[in-house]
Amino acid sequence: MGVKKVLALVLGGGRGTRLFPLTRDRSKPAVPLAGKYRIIDVPLSNCINSGVQRIYVLTQFNSVSLHRHIRRTYTFDHFSGGFVEILAAQQTLDTSTWYQGTADAVRQHLRLLQQPDVEHVLILSGDQLYRMNYADMLATHLASGADVSIAGIPVGREAASALGIMRLDDNGRVQGFLEKPQTLQETELVKTDPAWIDRRGIPSNGRDLIASMGIYLFNRDCLVDLLMKTDYQDFGKEVFPAAIRARNVQLHLFDDYWEDIGTIRSYYQCNIDLASPKPPFVLANAHAPIYSRARFLPPSRIDGAHIQKSLISDGCLIDKGAIIENSVIGLRCRIGKNAVIRNSVILGNDYYDDSVGIGDDAVIEHAIVDKNARIGSQAKIVNDHGWETTAESDTFMVRDGVAIVPKNAVVQDGWQPDPSLGAT
């Protein structure tokens, strides 16, 4: 059996507080990625490349830009039966509350799962970067006779406290689960107890724990039963552990690049890595491309600039003498003469206008500049003082050690960080 009877649900995420201020005006899945994409493009492209064409995206917070992007990007022909539709939190005759968690969000739309041509339900996160063929996961699921399958990735023991760690038997059946073990006792358990260390002979290279990727494949009737008979609100913390106790839950092993883009630091590093000469995740893949909105922008114009180890998106205007190193430059960027951009992520602009862009002789290092910002001439966007975090501001702040210029900010000519900003 193929994937035609698989229904995908992409969870749009919560408030995204750890990605603030990038999530001040948009949801996590709508945050730009690698210059021309948005994070939501990753799971949606994986679905399309896998042949899964019936997709719902569950949203709640700051979802206008996400809705607009999906509406403009993902349109199937009339004969395939495919769709990408938004399921926004709403009041109905059955419920008057917002989504109370990932499981509750799915529970509020059970009627869509109970259509007669749905046999399996694929639950995906909207804020991860990876490339997976879900048809392979379905094959694993069917071959093992599982009620639930979960994608897992080998990780080192030092990563145990940040992820959900699974305990397996020799046949790949999940027998135990600890969600982000925090106590010393839990951490030592997964790091030292042989029962938690994978023993099936995979080439682990020191990665001898198996972590949950937050990707679940349910038999439809099993998922409906789990949600109708409980009031569980979260998949990772409640539904999945309950399924382990009562159902046949099997591992689908994935051993490739995977990044959970949940913090400013992980978002920044992920983009910088993509700009490297040998990126851990290859965007240029003809067999499984990452799709996004077709904007029909002109080629970027570069006039005597020095550029290395960087991604330059469509429609940019880069003036003479500019230096761009180890950086990602988003759509429609205007970069002035002799500007210096190093180890930075510039998200670009939504429109062409002389009022936005990076001025002459500006310096931007180890920073993220959000969309439609104006960086004045000779302004300096850096974190020279080594701040880990600063107070919230409309023009400049630091999160996770990364300097950030928020969306639509105006940084005046000659501006540079005042040492007093670090007093929080």
Protein backbone atom coordinates (compact mmCIF):
# COMPACT_ATOMS: atom_id res chain seq x y z
CA MET A 1 0.00 0.00 0.00
CA GLY A 2 1.25 3.50 -0.87
CA VAL A 3 0.77 6.81 0.90
CA LYS A 4 -2.54 7.74 -0.73
CA LYS A 5 -4.46 6.98 2.45
CA VAL A 6 -2.08 8.92 4.69
CA LEU A 7 -3.30 12.23 6.08
CA ALA A 8 -0.61 14.64 7.35
CA LEU A 9 -1.11 17.09 10.20
CA VAL A 10 1.61 19.74 10.60
CA LEU A 11 1.62 21.34 14.04
CA GLY A 12 2.13 25.08 13.72
CA GLY A 13 3.75 25.51 17.12
CA GLY A 14 3.00 27.59 20.18
CA ARG A 15 3.97 31.16 20.99
CA GLY A 16 7.60 30.60 20.00
CA THR A 17 8.96 32.60 22.93
CA ARG A 18 12.47 31.13 22.57
CA LEU A 19 12.63 32.52 19.00
CA PHE A 20 11.57 36.01 20.06
CA PRO A 21 11.82 38.64 18.53
CA LEU A 22 11.62 36.72 15.23
CA THR A 23 8.21 35.47 16.43
CA ARG A 24 6.98 38.86 17.56
CA ASP A 25 4.98 39.33 14.33
CA ARG A 26 4.85 35.79 12.93
CA SER A 27 4.54 32.18 14.03
CA LYS A 28 7.59 29.89 14.23
CA PRO A 29 6.87 28.03 10.98
CA ALA A 30 6.64 31.36 9.13
CA VAL A 31 10.15 32.48 10.12
CA PRO A 32 12.37 32.84 7.01
CA LEU A 33 15.07 30.23 6.46
CA ALA A 34 18.16 30.10 4.20
CA GLY A 35 17.34 33.39 2.51
CA LYS A 36 14.31 32.48 0.39
CA TYR A 37 12.34 29.83 2.27
CA ARG A 38 10.23 29.66 5.40
CA ILE A 39 10.57 26.91 7.99
CA ILE A 40 7.10 25.53 7.13
CA ASP A 41 8.36 24.78 3.61
CA VAL A 42 10.47 21.91 4.98
CA PRO A 43 7.73 19.54 6.27
CA LEU A 44 5.39 20.50 3.43
CA SER A 45 8.08 19.76 0.84
CA ASN A 46 8.88 16.45 2.54
CA CYS A 47 5.19 15.53 2.27
CA ILE A 48 4.98 16.44 -1.41
CA ASN A 49 8.22 14.63 -2.25
CA SER A 50 6.93 11.56 -0.38
CA GLY A 51 3.62 11.52 -2.24
CA VAL A 52 1.59 12.65 0.79
CA GLN A 53 -0.73 15.22 -0.74
CA ARG A 54 -3.46 15.69 1.86
CA ILE A 55 -2.04 18.06 4.44
CA TYR A 56 -3.55 20.17 7.21
CA VAL A 57 -1.53 22.83 9.04
CA LEU A 58 -2.78 23.57 12.57
CA THR A 59 -2.15 27.17 13.60
CA GLN A 60 -2.98 29.48 16.47
CA PHE A 61 -0.49 32.28 17.22
CA ASN A 62 0.51 35.13 14.87
CA SER A 63 -0.61 33.06 11.91
CA VAL A 64 -1.52 35.71 9.30
CA SER A 65 1.81 35.65 7.43
CA LEU A 66 1.88 31.83 7.58
CA HIS A 67 -1.61 31.62 6.11
CA ARG A 68 -0.65 34.06 3.35
CA HIS A 69 2.49 32.12 2.48
CA ILE A 70 0.69 28.77 2.31
CA ARG A 71 -2.16 30.21 0.26
CA ARG A 72 0.22 31.72 -2.29
CA THR A 73 2.56 28.72 -2.49
CA TYR A 74 0.81 25.37 -2.22
CA THR A 75 -1.83 24.85 -4.90
CA PHE A 76 -2.45 21.38 -6.33
CA ASP A 77 -4.11 20.59 -9.64
CA HIS A 78 -7.79 19.69 -9.74
CA PHE A 79 -7.19 16.01 -10.51
CA SER A 80 -4.76 14.94 -7.78
CA GLY A 81 -7.10 15.50 -4.84
CA GLY A 82 -4.20 17.07 -2.98
CA PHE A 83 -4.40 20.10 -0.71
CA VAL A 84 -2.65 22.08 1.98
CA GLU A 85 -5.28 23.63 4.23
CA ILE A 86 -5.14 25.72 7.37
CA LEU A 87 -6.89 24.57 10.55
CA ALA A 88 -6.88 27.66 12.75
CA ALA A 89 -8.06 27.57 16.35
CA GLN A 90 -11.72 28.59 16.41
CA GLN A 91 -14.87 28.44 18.47
CA THR A 92 -17.36 25.76 17.45
CA LEU A 93 -20.47 24.15 18.88
CA ASP A 94 -18.21 21.53 20.48
CA THR A 95 -15.48 23.75 21.91
CA SER A 96 -14.98 27.39 22.84
CA THR A 97 -11.29 27.25 23.78
CA TRP A 98 -8.02 27.66 21.95
CA TYR A 99 -5.77 24.66 21.41
CA GLN A 100 -4.51 23.54 24.81
CA GLY A 101 -1.58 21.60 23.34
CA THR A 102 -0.56 19.54 20.33
CA ALA A 103 -2.84 16.61 21.11
CA ASP A 104 -5.78 18.87 21.93
CA ALA A 105 -5.32 20.64 18.60
CA VAL A 106 -5.71 17.32 16.77
CA ARG A 107 -8.60 16.26 19.02
CA GLN A 108 -10.57 19.35 18.02
CA HIS A 109 -10.44 18.17 14.38
CA LEU A 110 -11.13 14.44 14.80
CA ARG A 111 -13.96 14.54 12.27
CA LEU A 112 -11.40 15.21 9.52
CA LEU A 113 -9.43 12.12 10.56
CA GLN A 114 -12.54 9.94 10.47
CA GLN A 115 -13.10 10.23 6.75
CA PRO A 116 -13.43 6.76 5.16
CA ASP A 117 -10.35 7.08 2.94
CA VAL A 118 -7.92 7.80 5.81
CA GLU A 119 -6.01 4.83 7.23
CA HIS A 120 -2.89 6.47 8.69
CA VAL A 121 -2.23 9.88 10.24
CA LEU A 122 1.21 11.48 10.06
CA ILE A 123 1.94 14.03 12.81
CA LEU A 124 4.72 16.50 11.95
CA SER A 125 6.36 19.49 13.56
CA GLY A 126 6.41 22.80 11.71
CA ASP A 127 9.81 23.98 13.01
CA GLN A 128 12.43 21.40 12.01
CA LEU A 129 14.95 21.11 9.18
CA TYR A 130 15.51 17.65 7.68
CA ARG A 131 14.76 15.67 4.52
CA MET A 132 12.78 12.45 4.92
CA ASN A 133 10.75 10.19 2.65
CA TYR A 134 7.64 9.40 4.68
CA ALA A 135 6.88 6.48 2.37
CA ASP A 136 9.88 4.74 3.93
CA MET A 137 8.44 5.38 7.37
CA LEU A 138 5.09 3.91 6.27
CA ALA A 139 6.90 0.81 4.96
CA THR A 140 8.61 0.35 8.35
CA HIS A 141 5.27 0.84 10.08
CA LEU A 142 3.46 -1.77 7.99
CA ALA A 143 6.28 -4.32 8.07
CA SER A 144 6.45 -4.24 11.88
CA GLY A 145 2.67 -4.39 12.37
CA ALA A 146 2.86 -1.26 14.53
CA ASP A 147 -0.04 0.74 15.90
CA VAL A 148 2.26 3.75 16.15
CA SER A 149 5.67 4.45 14.64
CA ILE A 150 8.01 7.21 15.71
CA ALA A 151 11.01 8.57 13.87
CA GLY A 152 14.16 8.46 15.98
CA ILE A 153 17.70 9.67 15.45
CA PRO A 154 20.96 8.51 17.10
CA VAL A 155 22.43 11.14 19.43
CA GLY A 156 25.32 11.35 21.85
CA ARG A 157 24.81 11.14 25.58
CA GLU A 158 25.61 14.83 26.01
CA ALA A 159 22.37 15.66 24.13
CA ALA A 160 20.13 13.60 26.43
CA SER A 161 18.76 16.46 28.53
CA ALA A 162 17.51 18.41 25.49
CA LEU A 163 15.57 15.63 23.76
CA GLY A 164 13.11 12.83 24.36
CA ILE A 165 15.09 9.59 24.79
CA MET A 166 13.63 6.18 23.96
CA ARG A 167 14.31 2.71 25.33
CA LEU A 168 14.03 -0.07 22.73
CA ASP A 169 14.06 -3.82 22.58
CA ASP A 170 16.16 -5.73 20.06
CA ASN A 171 13.33 -5.64 17.50
CA GLY A 172 12.94 -1.87 17.57
CA ARG A 173 9.84 -1.79 19.74
CA VAL A 174 9.75 1.27 22.03
CA GLN A 175 9.43 0.19 25.64
CA GLY A 176 10.24 3.37 27.54
CA PHE A 177 10.46 7.12 27.04
CA LEU A 178 11.87 10.06 28.99
CA GLU A 179 10.99 13.54 27.71
CA LYS A 180 14.02 15.81 28.17
CA PRO A 181 15.39 14.11 31.30
CA GLN A 182 16.28 16.90 33.72
CA THR A 183 17.00 15.40 37.11
CA LEU A 184 20.41 13.95 37.82
CA GLN A 185 18.82 10.55 38.37
CA GLU A 186 17.02 10.59 35.00
CA THR A 187 20.05 11.89 33.13
CA GLU A 188 22.35 9.27 34.61
CA LEU A 189 19.77 6.57 33.88
CA VAL A 190 19.68 7.20 30.13
CA LYS A 191 23.44 7.71 29.98
CA THR A 192 24.51 4.59 31.85
CA ASP A 193 21.72 2.00 32.00
CA PRO A 194 22.30 -0.55 29.20
CA ALA A 195 18.54 -0.80 28.68
CA TRP A 196 18.48 2.79 27.36
CA ILE A 197 21.53 2.42 25.15
CA ASP A 198 20.78 1.18 21.64
CA ARG A 199 22.10 -2.37 21.13
CA ARG A 200 21.10 -3.19 17.57
CA GLY A 201 24.49 -2.68 16.00
CA ILE A 202 23.89 0.54 14.06
CA PRO A 203 27.04 2.55 13.18
CA SER A 204 26.55 4.99 16.01
CA ASN A 205 29.96 6.72 16.08
CA GLY A 206 29.46 7.41 19.76
CA ARG A 207 25.77 8.27 19.38
CA ASP A 208 24.36 5.42 21.42
CA LEU A 209 21.03 6.94 22.48
CA ILE A 210 17.93 7.18 20.29
CA ALA A 211 16.06 10.49 20.47
CA SER A 212 12.53 11.23 19.34
CA MET A 213 12.23 13.55 16.34
CA GLY A 214 8.63 14.38 17.17
CA ILE A 215 7.41 12.68 13.97
CA TYR A 216 4.63 10.14 14.55
CA LEU A 217 2.72 7.80 12.23
CA PHE A 218 -0.51 6.44 13.74
CA ASN A 219 -3.02 3.93 12.56
CA ARG A 220 -6.01 6.23 12.27
CA ASP A 221 -8.27 4.20 14.57
CA CYS A 222 -5.53 3.96 17.19
CA LEU A 223 -5.06 7.75 17.26
CA VAL A 224 -8.80 8.41 17.45
CA ASP A 225 -9.11 5.94 20.30
CA LEU A 226 -6.20 7.47 22.24
CA LEU A 227 -7.60 10.98 21.90
CA MET A 228 -11.27 10.19 22.57
CA LYS A 229 -10.62 8.15 25.70
CA THR A 230 -8.28 10.65 27.34
CA ASP A 231 -7.95 14.39 27.86
CA TYR A 232 -4.22 14.37 27.08
CA GLN A 233 -3.02 17.69 25.69
CA ASP A 234 0.52 16.98 24.43
CA PHE A 235 1.84 14.26 22.12
CA GLY A 236 5.39 14.09 23.39
CA LYS A 237 4.64 14.24 27.10
CA GLU A 238 1.34 12.33 27.31
CA VAL A 239 -0.05 10.62 24.20
CA PHE A 240 3.17 8.95 23.10
CA PRO A 241 4.07 7.57 26.59
CA ALA A 242 0.50 6.27 26.93
CA ALA A 243 0.75 4.57 23.55
CA ILE A 244 3.97 2.82 24.64
CA ARG A 245 2.15 1.29 27.61
CA ALA A 246 -0.87 0.03 25.68
CA ARG A 247 0.10 -0.27 22.00
CA ASN A 248 2.75 -1.63 19.68
CA VAL A 249 5.02 1.38 19.15
CA GLN A 250 7.92 0.87 16.74
CA LEU A 251 10.98 2.94 15.88
CA HIS A 252 11.66 4.23 12.38
CA LEU A 253 15.40 4.94 12.46
CA PHE A 254 16.59 8.07 10.67
CA ASP A 255 20.32 8.73 10.43
CA ASP A 256 20.78 11.98 8.54
CA TYR A 257 20.75 15.72 9.21
CA TRP A 258 17.99 16.90 11.55
CA GLU A 259 17.74 20.18 13.45
CA ASP A 260 15.00 21.36 15.78
CA ILE A 261 14.91 25.13 15.19
CA GLY A 262 13.59 26.13 18.59
CA THR A 263 15.92 28.86 19.84
CA ILE A 264 17.66 31.94 18.48
CA ARG A 265 21.01 30.18 18.80
CA SER A 266 19.88 27.06 16.89
CA TYR A 267 18.18 29.21 14.23
CA TYR A 268 21.27 31.35 13.76
CA GLN A 269 23.67 28.41 13.63
CA CYS A 270 21.44 26.45 11.26
CA ASN A 271 21.46 29.32 8.74
CA ILE A 272 25.20 29.89 9.04
CA ASP A 273 25.82 26.16 8.52
CA LEU A 274 23.71 26.21 5.36
CA ALA A 275 26.00 28.92 3.95
CA SER A 276 29.16 26.89 4.51
CA PRO A 277 31.06 25.32 1.56
CA LYS A 278 30.05 21.83 2.71
CA PRO A 279 26.65 22.34 4.34
CA PRO A 280 25.28 19.50 6.49
CA PHE A 281 21.94 19.89 4.71
CA VAL A 282 22.05 20.26 0.92
CA LEU A 283 19.42 22.60 -0.49
CA ALA A 284 20.25 21.72 -4.11
CA ASN A 285 18.62 18.31 -4.33
CA ALA A 286 16.87 17.67 -7.64
CA HIS A 287 15.06 14.57 -6.36
CA ALA A 288 13.70 16.12 -3.15
CA PRO A 289 13.73 19.91 -3.45
CA ILE A 290 12.50 22.36 -0.84
CA TYR A 291 9.58 24.24 -2.36
CA SER A 292 8.61 27.82 -1.63
CA ARG A 293 6.69 30.71 -3.07
CA ALA A 294 7.59 31.67 -6.66
CA ARG A 295 8.21 35.42 -6.45
CA PHE A 296 9.54 36.07 -9.98
CA LEU A 297 12.29 38.38 -8.74
CA PRO A 298 15.18 39.54 -10.95
CA PRO A 299 18.69 38.12 -10.54
CA SER A 300 20.79 39.71 -7.84
CA ARG A 301 23.05 42.54 -9.01
CA ILE A 302 26.54 42.56 -7.49
CA ASP A 303 28.85 45.46 -8.32
CA GLY A 304 32.45 44.87 -7.22
CA ALA A 305 31.66 43.31 -3.84
CA HIS A 306 33.75 40.66 -2.07
CA ILE A 307 31.59 37.62 -1.22
CA GLN A 308 32.63 34.25 0.14
CA LYS A 309 30.97 31.31 1.89
CA SER A 310 27.53 32.93 1.67
CA LEU A 311 24.03 32.43 0.28
CA ILE A 312 22.68 35.33 -1.80
CA SER A 313 18.94 35.27 -2.53
CA ASP A 314 17.07 36.68 -5.51
CA GLY A 315 16.53 40.36 -6.19
CA CYS A 316 19.45 41.79 -4.18
CA LEU A 317 21.41 44.96 -4.97
CA ILE A 318 24.94 44.79 -3.54
CA ASP A 319 27.13 47.85 -4.08
CA LYS A 320 30.87 48.16 -4.72
CA GLY A 321 33.28 47.53 -1.88
CA ALA A 322 30.79 45.54 0.21
CA ILE A 323 32.24 42.56 2.10
CA ILE A 324 29.99 39.57 2.80
CA GLU A 325 31.47 36.53 4.54
CA ASN A 326 29.86 33.42 6.07
CA SER A 327 26.40 34.94 5.84
CA VAL A 328 22.89 34.45 4.47
CA ILE A 329 21.40 37.34 2.49
CA GLY A 330 17.63 37.28 2.03
CA LEU A 331 15.35 38.48 -0.73
CA ARG A 332 15.51 42.07 -2.08
CA CYS A 333 18.43 43.10 0.15
CA ARG A 334 19.98 46.49 -0.61
CA ILE A 335 23.55 46.62 0.68
CA GLY A 336 25.49 49.87 0.43
CA LYS A 337 29.07 50.71 -0.47
CA ASN A 338 31.79 49.27 1.75
CA ALA A 339 29.28 47.67 4.12
CA VAL A 340 30.68 44.71 6.05
CA ILE A 341 28.53 41.68 6.85
CA ARG A 342 30.18 38.73 8.58
CA ASN A 343 28.69 35.61 10.18
CA SER A 344 25.21 37.11 9.96
CA VAL A 345 21.69 36.30 8.76
CA ILE A 346 19.94 39.11 6.87
CA LEU A 347 16.30 38.18 6.29
CA GLY A 348 15.74 40.65 3.46
CA ASN A 349 12.77 42.81 2.52
CA ASP A 350 9.16 42.31 1.48
CA TYR A 351 9.34 45.16 -1.04
CA TYR A 352 11.73 47.46 -2.90
CA ASP A 353 12.09 50.83 -1.21
CA ASP A 354 15.00 53.19 -0.58
CA SER A 355 13.89 53.40 3.06
CA VAL A 356 14.99 49.83 3.82
CA GLY A 357 18.37 48.17 3.50
CA ILE A 358 21.91 48.41 4.82
CA GLY A 359 23.69 51.74 4.47
CA ASP A 360 27.19 52.61 3.31
CA ASP A 361 30.04 51.58 5.66
CA ALA A 362 27.68 49.78 8.06
CA VAL A 363 29.16 46.85 10.01
CA ILE A 364 27.09 43.79 10.93
CA GLU A 365 28.74 40.84 12.67
CA HIS A 366 27.33 37.72 14.40
CA ALA A 367 23.84 39.13 14.02
CA ILE A 368 20.34 38.54 12.68
CA VAL A 369 18.64 41.44 10.88
CA ASP A 370 14.91 40.86 10.47
CA LYS A 371 12.85 41.93 7.47
CA ASN A 372 12.32 45.51 6.29
CA ALA A 373 14.91 46.98 8.65
CA ARG A 374 16.90 50.09 7.86
CA ILE A 375 20.52 50.03 9.01
CA GLY A 376 21.94 53.53 8.69
CA SER A 377 25.30 54.46 7.21
CA GLN A 378 28.27 53.69 9.49
CA ALA A 379 25.94 51.96 11.99
CA LYS A 380 27.44 49.07 13.92
CA ILE A 381 25.34 45.96 14.70
CA VAL A 382 27.63 43.85 16.87
CA ASN A 383 27.79 42.25 20.30
CA ASP A 384 31.28 43.43 21.22
CA HIS A 385 30.49 43.27 24.93
CA GLY A 386 29.78 39.54 24.97
CA TRP A 387 26.21 39.93 26.24
CA GLU A 388 24.12 36.78 26.47
CA THR A 389 20.88 38.76 26.58
CA THR A 390 19.76 42.38 26.80
CA ALA A 391 16.50 44.18 27.45
CA GLU A 392 13.84 44.16 24.74
CA SER A 393 14.12 47.04 22.28
CA ASP A 394 12.54 48.20 19.02
CA THR A 395 15.93 48.60 17.32
CA PHE A 396 18.52 46.26 18.86
CA MET A 397 18.71 43.42 21.36
CA VAL A 398 20.74 40.31 22.13
CA ARG A 399 19.34 36.81 22.58
CA ASP A 400 21.45 33.69 23.13
CA GLY A 401 24.53 35.83 22.48
CA VAL A 402 23.30 36.83 18.99
CA ALA A 403 22.71 40.51 18.14
CA ILE A 404 19.26 41.06 16.61
CA VAL A 405 17.63 43.95 14.76
CA PRO A 406 13.83 43.36 14.89
CA LYS A 407 11.48 43.57 11.95
CA ASN A 408 10.80 47.08 10.57
CA ALA A 409 13.41 48.61 12.87
CA VAL A 410 15.17 51.86 11.98
CA VAL A 411 18.78 52.10 13.14
CA GLN A 412 20.10 55.63 12.74
CA ASP A 413 23.29 56.60 10.94
CA GLY A 414 26.37 56.03 13.06
CA TRP A 415 24.52 54.10 15.77
CA GLN A 416 26.37 51.54 17.88
CA PRO A 417 25.43 49.58 21.02
CA ASP A 418 25.65 51.50 24.28
CA PRO A 419 27.40 49.55 27.08
CA SER A 420 24.40 50.26 29.33
CA LEU A 421 22.20 47.99 27.17
CA GLY A 422 23.66 44.98 28.93
CA ALA A 423 22.26 46.03 32.32
CA THR A 424 19.15 43.83 32.55
